[in-house]
Amino acid sequence: MGTGRTLRKESHVRPCKTPAGKARKAKAQRARLVKFGMAADKVAAMGDEDVRILVQRPAVVKKLIAKKA
C-alpha cells in the first residue's frame, strides 16, 4: 500500500456509509445477539442503537440471559 498524497487526505479516501450498508450491519448484529441466546422477538423489537451497545459487550448479554433463566 502506498503512502502518497491520496492516502493522507482522509475525508476523500474514506468510503461513505450507505443505508444498505447500515441495514446489513444492523441485521448481522441482531443475528449475533440471537446467537448469544437472546429471544429473537425481543431483539427484533429493539432499536439499532440498543443492539449496537449490547453487541459490544457479549459478557453482559450472557449475564442478563442467565439472570432471567
PDB file of N, CA and C in Angstrom:
ATOM      1  N   MET A   1       0.841  -1.174   0.000  1.00  0.00           N
ATOM      2  CA  MET A   1       0.000   0.000   0.000  1.00  0.00           C
ATOM      3  C   MET A   1       0.886   1.236   0.000  1.00  0.00           C
ATOM      4  N   GLY A   2       0.507   2.218  -0.772  1.00  0.00           N
ATOM      5  CA  GLY A   2       1.314   3.415  -0.905  1.00  0.00           C
ATOM      6  C   GLY A   2       1.166   4.378   0.262  1.00  0.00           C
ATOM      7  N   THR A   3       1.979   5.409   0.232  1.00  0.00           N
ATOM      8  CA  THR A   3       1.918   6.442   1.272  1.00  0.00           C
ATOM      9  C   THR A   3       1.802   7.812   0.634  1.00  0.00           C
ATOM     10  N   GLY A   4       1.220   7.865  -0.528  1.00  0.00           N
ATOM     11  CA  GLY A   4       1.146   9.113  -1.281  1.00  0.00           C
ATOM     12  C   GLY A   4       0.106  10.079  -0.756  1.00  0.00           C
ATOM     13  N   ARG A   5      -0.074  11.155  -1.486  1.00  0.00           N
ATOM     14  CA  ARG A   5      -0.957  12.243  -1.074  1.00  0.00           C
ATOM     15  C   ARG A   5      -2.407  11.794  -0.961  1.00  0.00           C
ATOM     16  N   THR A   6      -2.831  10.908  -1.841  1.00  0.00           N
ATOM     17  CA  THR A   6      -4.233  10.482  -1.803  1.00  0.00           C
ATOM     18  C   THR A   6      -4.592   9.827  -0.482  1.00  0.00           C
ATOM     19  N   LEU A   7      -3.685   9.097   0.090  1.00  0.00           N
ATOM     20  CA  LEU A   7      -3.979   8.396   1.334  1.00  0.00           C
ATOM     21  C   LEU A   7      -3.876   9.296   2.557  1.00  0.00           C
ATOM     22  N   ARG A   8      -3.280  10.464   2.423  1.00  0.00           N
ATOM     23  CA  ARG A   8      -3.211  11.405   3.544  1.00  0.00           C
ATOM     24  C   ARG A   8      -4.477  12.247   3.625  1.00  0.00           C
ATOM     25  N   LYS A   9      -5.214  12.358   2.532  1.00  0.00           N
ATOM     26  CA  LYS A   9      -6.451  13.134   2.516  1.00  0.00           C
ATOM     27  C   LYS A   9      -7.587  12.214   2.965  1.00  0.00           C
ATOM     28  N   GLU A  10      -7.749  12.058   4.276  1.00  0.00           N
ATOM     29  CA  GLU A  10      -8.645  11.052   4.825  1.00  0.00           C
ATOM     30  C   GLU A  10     -10.091  11.211   4.367  1.00  0.00           C
ATOM     31  N   SER A  11     -10.608  12.422   4.376  1.00  0.00           N
ATOM     32  CA  SER A  11     -12.014  12.592   4.050  1.00  0.00           C
ATOM     33  C   SER A  11     -12.313  12.214   2.598  1.00  0.00           C
ATOM     34  N   HIS A  12     -11.310  12.240   1.721  1.00  0.00           N
ATOM     35  CA  HIS A  12     -11.531  11.892   0.332  1.00  0.00           C
ATOM     36  C   HIS A  12     -11.334  10.403   0.080  1.00  0.00           C
ATOM     37  N   VAL A  13     -10.642   9.728   0.978  1.00  0.00           N
ATOM     38  CA  VAL A  13     -10.340   8.318   0.780  1.00  0.00           C
ATOM     39  C   VAL A  13     -11.374   7.438   1.468  1.00  0.00           C
ATOM     40  N   ARG A  14     -11.853   7.895   2.611  1.00  0.00           N
ATOM     41  CA  ARG A  14     -12.767   7.093   3.412  1.00  0.00           C
ATOM     42  C   ARG A  14     -14.096   6.907   2.682  1.00  0.00           C
ATOM     43  N   PRO A  15     -14.603   5.671   2.601  1.00  0.00           N
ATOM     44  CA  PRO A  15     -15.866   5.449   1.892  1.00  0.00           C
ATOM     45  C   PRO A  15     -17.061   5.992   2.667  1.00  0.00           C
ATOM     46  N   CYS A  16     -18.088   6.408   1.951  1.00  0.00           N
ATOM     47  CA  CYS A  16     -19.303   6.922   2.566  1.00  0.00           C
ATOM     48  C   CYS A  16     -20.148   5.766   3.084  1.00  0.00           C
ATOM     49  N   LYS A  17     -20.855   6.004   4.180  1.00  0.00           N
ATOM     50  CA  LYS A  17     -21.772   4.999   4.702  1.00  0.00           C
ATOM     51  C   LYS A  17     -23.058   5.057   3.889  1.00  0.00           C
ATOM     52  N   THR A  18     -23.519   3.918   3.447  1.00  0.00           N
ATOM     53  CA  THR A  18     -24.755   3.858   2.673  1.00  0.00           C
ATOM     54  C   THR A  18     -25.857   3.261   3.536  1.00  0.00           C
ATOM     55  N   PRO A  19     -27.107   3.581   3.264  1.00  0.00           N
ATOM     56  CA  PRO A  19     -28.211   2.978   4.024  1.00  0.00           C
ATOM     57  C   PRO A  19     -28.225   1.448   3.916  1.00  0.00           C
ATOM     58  N   ALA A  20     -27.868   0.935   2.747  1.00  0.00           N
ATOM     59  CA  ALA A  20     -27.847  -0.520   2.583  1.00  0.00           C
ATOM     60  C   ALA A  20     -26.760  -1.142   3.455  1.00  0.00           C
ATOM     61  N   GLY A  21     -25.617  -0.490   3.547  1.00  0.00           N
ATOM     62  CA  GLY A  21     -24.540  -0.991   4.393  1.00  0.00           C
ATOM     63  C   GLY A  21     -24.910  -0.962   5.860  1.00  0.00           C
ATOM     64  N   LYS A  22     -25.586   0.104   6.285  1.00  0.00           N
ATOM     65  CA  LYS A  22     -26.021   0.207   7.674  1.00  0.00           C
ATOM     66  C   LYS A  22     -27.041  -0.879   7.996  1.00  0.00           C
ATOM     67  N   ALA A  23     -27.981  -1.113   7.082  1.00  0.00           N
ATOM     68  CA  ALA A  23     -29.002  -2.143   7.303  1.00  0.00           C
ATOM     69  C   ALA A  23     -28.374  -3.528   7.372  1.00  0.00           C
ATOM     70  N   ARG A  24     -27.390  -3.768   6.520  1.00  0.00           N
ATOM     71  CA  ARG A  24     -26.693  -5.062   6.513  1.00  0.00           C
ATOM     72  C   ARG A  24     -25.978  -5.293   7.842  1.00  0.00           C
ATOM     73  N   LYS A  25     -25.326  -4.234   8.337  1.00  0.00           N
ATOM     74  CA  LYS A  25     -24.602  -4.331   9.595  1.00  0.00           C
ATOM     75  C   LYS A  25     -25.557  -4.546  10.773  1.00  0.00           C
ATOM     76  N   ALA A  26     -26.688  -3.833  10.778  1.00  0.00           N
ATOM     77  CA  ALA A  26     -27.674  -3.985  11.849  1.00  0.00           C
ATOM     78  C   ALA A  26     -28.261  -5.392  11.851  1.00  0.00           C
ATOM     79  N   LYS A  27     -28.514  -5.934  10.672  1.00  0.00           N
ATOM     80  CA  LYS A  27     -29.057  -7.285  10.571  1.00  0.00           C
ATOM     81  C   LYS A  27     -28.067  -8.315  11.109  1.00  0.00           C
ATOM     82  N   ALA A  28     -26.801  -8.135  10.794  1.00  0.00           N
ATOM     83  CA  ALA A  28     -25.768  -9.046  11.284  1.00  0.00           C
ATOM     84  C   ALA A  28     -25.635  -8.947  12.806  1.00  0.00           C
ATOM     85  N   GLN A  29     -25.745  -7.730  13.340  1.00  0.00           N
ATOM     86  CA  GLN A  29     -25.631  -7.555  14.785  1.00  0.00           C
ATOM     87  C   GLN A  29     -26.824  -8.176  15.504  1.00  0.00           C
ATOM     88  N   ARG A  30     -28.019  -8.063  14.934  1.00  0.00           N
ATOM     89  CA  ARG A  30     -29.197  -8.700  15.531  1.00  0.00           C
ATOM     90  C   ARG A  30     -29.047 -10.218  15.539  1.00  0.00           C
ATOM     91  N   ALA A  31     -28.524 -10.763  14.449  1.00  0.00           N
ATOM     92  CA  ALA A  31     -28.303 -12.208  14.375  1.00  0.00           C
ATOM     93  C   ALA A  31     -27.279 -12.643  15.421  1.00  0.00           C
ATOM     94  N   ARG A  32     -26.282 -11.810  15.660  1.00  0.00           N
ATOM     95  CA  ARG A  32     -25.269 -12.130  16.665  1.00  0.00           C
ATOM     96  C   ARG A  32     -25.870 -12.169  18.064  1.00  0.00           C
ATOM     97  N   LEU A  33     -26.790 -11.236  18.366  1.00  0.00           N
ATOM     98  CA  LEU A  33     -27.446 -11.244  19.667  1.00  0.00           C
ATOM     99  C   LEU A  33     -28.306 -12.494  19.847  1.00  0.00           C
ATOM    100  N   VAL A  34     -28.972 -12.917  18.784  1.00  0.00           N
ATOM    101  CA  VAL A  34     -29.783 -14.142  18.860  1.00  0.00           C
ATOM    102  C   VAL A  34     -28.882 -15.345  19.117  1.00  0.00           C
ATOM    103  N   LYS A  35     -27.690 -15.358  18.509  1.00  0.00           N
ATOM    104  CA  LYS A  35     -26.737 -16.451  18.755  1.00  0.00           C
ATOM    105  C   LYS A  35     -26.245 -16.441  20.196  1.00  0.00           C
ATOM    106  N   PHE A  36     -26.161 -15.261  20.809  1.00  0.00           N
ATOM    107  CA  PHE A  36     -25.760 -15.179  22.209  1.00  0.00           C
ATOM    108  C   PHE A  36     -26.804 -15.807  23.121  1.00  0.00           C
ATOM    109  N   GLY A  37     -28.066 -15.884  22.645  1.00  0.00           N
ATOM    110  CA  GLY A  37     -29.112 -16.514  23.442  1.00  0.00           C
ATOM    111  C   GLY A  37     -30.308 -15.635  23.733  1.00  0.00           C
ATOM    112  N   MET A  38     -30.341 -14.437  23.206  1.00  0.00           N
ATOM    113  CA  MET A  38     -31.499 -13.574  23.424  1.00  0.00           C
ATOM    114  C   MET A  38     -32.656 -14.032  22.547  1.00  0.00           C
ATOM    115  N   ALA A  39     -33.868 -13.734  22.988  1.00  0.00           N
ATOM    116  CA  ALA A  39     -35.056 -14.107  22.226  1.00  0.00           C
ATOM    117  C   ALA A  39     -35.125 -13.264  20.954  1.00  0.00           C
ATOM    118  N   ALA A  40     -35.457 -13.918  19.852  1.00  0.00           N
ATOM    119  CA  ALA A  40     -35.480 -13.237  18.554  1.00  0.00           C
ATOM    120  C   ALA A  40     -36.526 -12.132  18.512  1.00  0.00           C
ATOM    121  N   ASP A  41     -37.689 -12.338  19.169  1.00  0.00           N
ATOM    122  CA  ASP A  41     -38.729 -11.311  19.137  1.00  0.00           C
ATOM    123  C   ASP A  41     -38.317 -10.070  19.926  1.00  0.00           C
ATOM    124  N   LYS A  42     -37.575 -10.261  21.024  1.00  0.00           N
ATOM    125  CA  LYS A  42     -37.106  -9.112  21.794  1.00  0.00           C
ATOM    126  C   LYS A  42     -36.033  -8.346  21.026  1.00  0.00           C
ATOM    127  N   VAL A  43     -35.164  -9.071  20.349  1.00  0.00           N
ATOM    128  CA  VAL A  43     -34.110  -8.421  19.558  1.00  0.00           C
ATOM    129  C   VAL A  43     -34.735  -7.639  18.408  1.00  0.00           C
ATOM    130  N   ALA A  44     -35.785  -8.189  17.795  1.00  0.00           N
ATOM    131  CA  ALA A  44     -36.442  -7.508  16.679  1.00  0.00           C
ATOM    132  C   ALA A  44     -37.126  -6.223  17.133  1.00  0.00           C
ATOM    133  N   ALA A  45     -37.574  -6.183  18.392  1.00  0.00           N
ATOM    134  CA  ALA A  45     -38.266  -5.005  18.899  1.00  0.00           C
ATOM    135  C   ALA A  45     -37.310  -3.906  19.347  1.00  0.00           C
ATOM    136  N   MET A  46     -36.031  -4.242  19.501  1.00  0.00           N
ATOM    137  CA  MET A  46     -35.047  -3.264  19.969  1.00  0.00           C
ATOM    138  C   MET A  46     -34.638  -2.314  18.850  1.00  0.00           C
ATOM    139  N   GLY A  47     -34.172  -1.138  19.242  1.00  0.00           N
ATOM    140  CA  GLY A  47     -33.663  -0.172  18.282  1.00  0.00           C
ATOM    141  C   GLY A  47     -32.234  -0.506  17.880  1.00  0.00           C
ATOM    142  N   ASP A  48     -31.777   0.104  16.802  1.00  0.00           N
ATOM    143  CA  ASP A  48     -30.434  -0.167  16.290  1.00  0.00           C
ATOM    144  C   ASP A  48     -29.340   0.211  17.298  1.00  0.00           C
ATOM    145  N   GLU A  49     -29.527   1.324  17.994  1.00  0.00           N
ATOM    146  CA  GLU A  49     -28.502   1.763  18.948  1.00  0.00           C
ATOM    147  C   GLU A  49     -28.402   0.807  20.127  1.00  0.00           C
ATOM    148  N   ASP A  50     -29.544   0.310  20.611  1.00  0.00           N
ATOM    149  CA  ASP A  50     -29.535  -0.640  21.722  1.00  0.00           C
ATOM    150  C   ASP A  50     -28.842  -1.933  21.319  1.00  0.00           C
ATOM    151  N   VAL A  51     -29.108  -2.379  20.106  1.00  0.00           N
ATOM    152  CA  VAL A  51     -28.473  -3.598  19.603  1.00  0.00           C
ATOM    153  C   VAL A  51     -26.967  -3.394  19.524  1.00  0.00           C
ATOM    154  N   ARG A  52     -26.555  -2.242  19.021  1.00  0.00           N
ATOM    155  CA  ARG A  52     -25.129  -1.948  18.866  1.00  0.00           C
ATOM    156  C   ARG A  52     -24.414  -1.950  20.216  1.00  0.00           C
ATOM    157  N   ILE A  53     -25.057  -1.391  21.239  1.00  0.00           N
ATOM    158  CA  ILE A  53     -24.452  -1.340  22.571  1.00  0.00           C
ATOM    159  C   ILE A  53     -24.303  -2.751  23.148  1.00  0.00           C
ATOM    160  N   LEU A  54     -25.324  -3.584  22.992  1.00  0.00           N
ATOM    161  CA  LEU A  54     -25.269  -4.933  23.547  1.00  0.00           C
ATOM    162  C   LEU A  54     -24.271  -5.820  22.822  1.00  0.00           C
ATOM    163  N   VAL A  55     -24.122  -5.640  21.530  1.00  0.00           N
ATOM    164  CA  VAL A  55     -23.181  -6.462  20.767  1.00  0.00           C
ATOM    165  C   VAL A  55     -21.747  -6.179  21.212  1.00  0.00           C
ATOM    166  N   GLN A  56     -21.487  -4.957  21.659  1.00  0.00           N
ATOM    167  CA  GLN A  56     -20.140  -4.596  22.087  1.00  0.00           C
ATOM    168  C   GLN A  56     -19.738  -5.296  23.384  1.00  0.00           C
ATOM    169  N   ARG A  57     -20.716  -5.750  24.172  1.00  0.00           N
ATOM    170  CA  ARG A  57     -20.430  -6.369  25.456  1.00  0.00           C
ATOM    171  C   ARG A  57     -21.111  -7.734  25.573  1.00  0.00           C
ATOM    172  N   PRO A  58     -20.567  -8.777  24.930  1.00  0.00           N
ATOM    173  CA  PRO A  58     -21.203 -10.093  24.962  1.00  0.00           C
ATOM    174  C   PRO A  58     -21.258 -10.708  26.353  1.00  0.00           C
ATOM    175  N   ALA A  59     -20.305 -10.403  27.226  1.00  0.00           N
ATOM    176  CA  ALA A  59     -20.325 -10.948  28.582  1.00  0.00           C
ATOM    177  C   ALA A  59     -21.527 -10.426  29.359  1.00  0.00           C
ATOM    178  N   VAL A  60     -21.862  -9.161  29.156  1.00  0.00           N
ATOM    179  CA  VAL A  60     -23.013  -8.559  29.823  1.00  0.00           C
ATOM    180  C   VAL A  60     -24.305  -9.210  29.334  1.00  0.00           C
ATOM    181  N   VAL A  61     -24.373  -9.483  28.044  1.00  0.00           N
ATOM    182  CA  VAL A  61     -25.567 -10.108  27.472  1.00  0.00           C
ATOM    183  C   VAL A  61     -25.761 -11.498  28.069  1.00  0.00           C
ATOM    184  N   LYS A  62     -24.679 -12.254  28.184  1.00  0.00           N
ATOM    185  CA  LYS A  62     -24.783 -13.597  28.746  1.00  0.00           C
ATOM    186  C   LYS A  62     -25.210 -13.550  30.206  1.00  0.00           C
ATOM    187  N   LYS A  63     -24.759 -12.549  30.972  1.00  0.00           N
ATOM    188  CA  LYS A  63     -25.174 -12.406  32.354  1.00  0.00           C
ATOM    189  C   LYS A  63     -26.658 -12.065  32.443  1.00  0.00           C
ATOM    190  N   LEU A  64     -27.135 -11.180  31.572  1.00  0.00           N
ATOM    191  CA  LEU A  64     -28.553 -10.822  31.556  1.00  0.00           C
ATOM    192  C   LEU A  64     -29.425 -12.033  31.263  1.00  0.00           C
ATOM    193  N   ILE A  65     -28.996 -12.850  30.331  1.00  0.00           N
ATOM    194  CA  ILE A  65     -29.753 -14.032  29.956  1.00  0.00           C
ATOM    195  C   ILE A  65     -29.743 -15.053  31.105  1.00  0.00           C
ATOM    196  N   ALA A  66     -28.614 -15.166  31.786  1.00  0.00           N
ATOM    197  CA  ALA A  66     -28.501 -16.106  32.896  1.00  0.00           C
ATOM    198  C   ALA A  66     -29.393 -15.679  34.060  1.00  0.00           C
ATOM    199  N   LYS A  67     -29.515 -14.371  34.314  1.00  0.00           N
ATOM    200  CA  LYS A  67     -30.383 -13.876  35.403  1.00  0.00           C
ATOM    201  C   LYS A  67     -31.842 -14.192  35.117  1.00  0.00           C
ATOM    202  N   LYS A  68     -32.261 -14.042  33.874  1.00  0.00           N
ATOM    203  CA  LYS A  68     -33.662 -14.264  33.526  1.00  0.00           C
ATOM    204  C   LYS A  68     -34.017 -15.738  33.501  1.00  0.00           C
ATOM    205  N   ALA A  69     -33.033 -16.605  33.290  1.00  0.00           N
ATOM    206  CA  ALA A  69     -33.298 -18.041  33.200  1.00  0.00           C
ATOM    207  C   ALA A  69     -33.320 -18.704  34.570  1.00  0.00           C
TER     208      ALA A  69
END
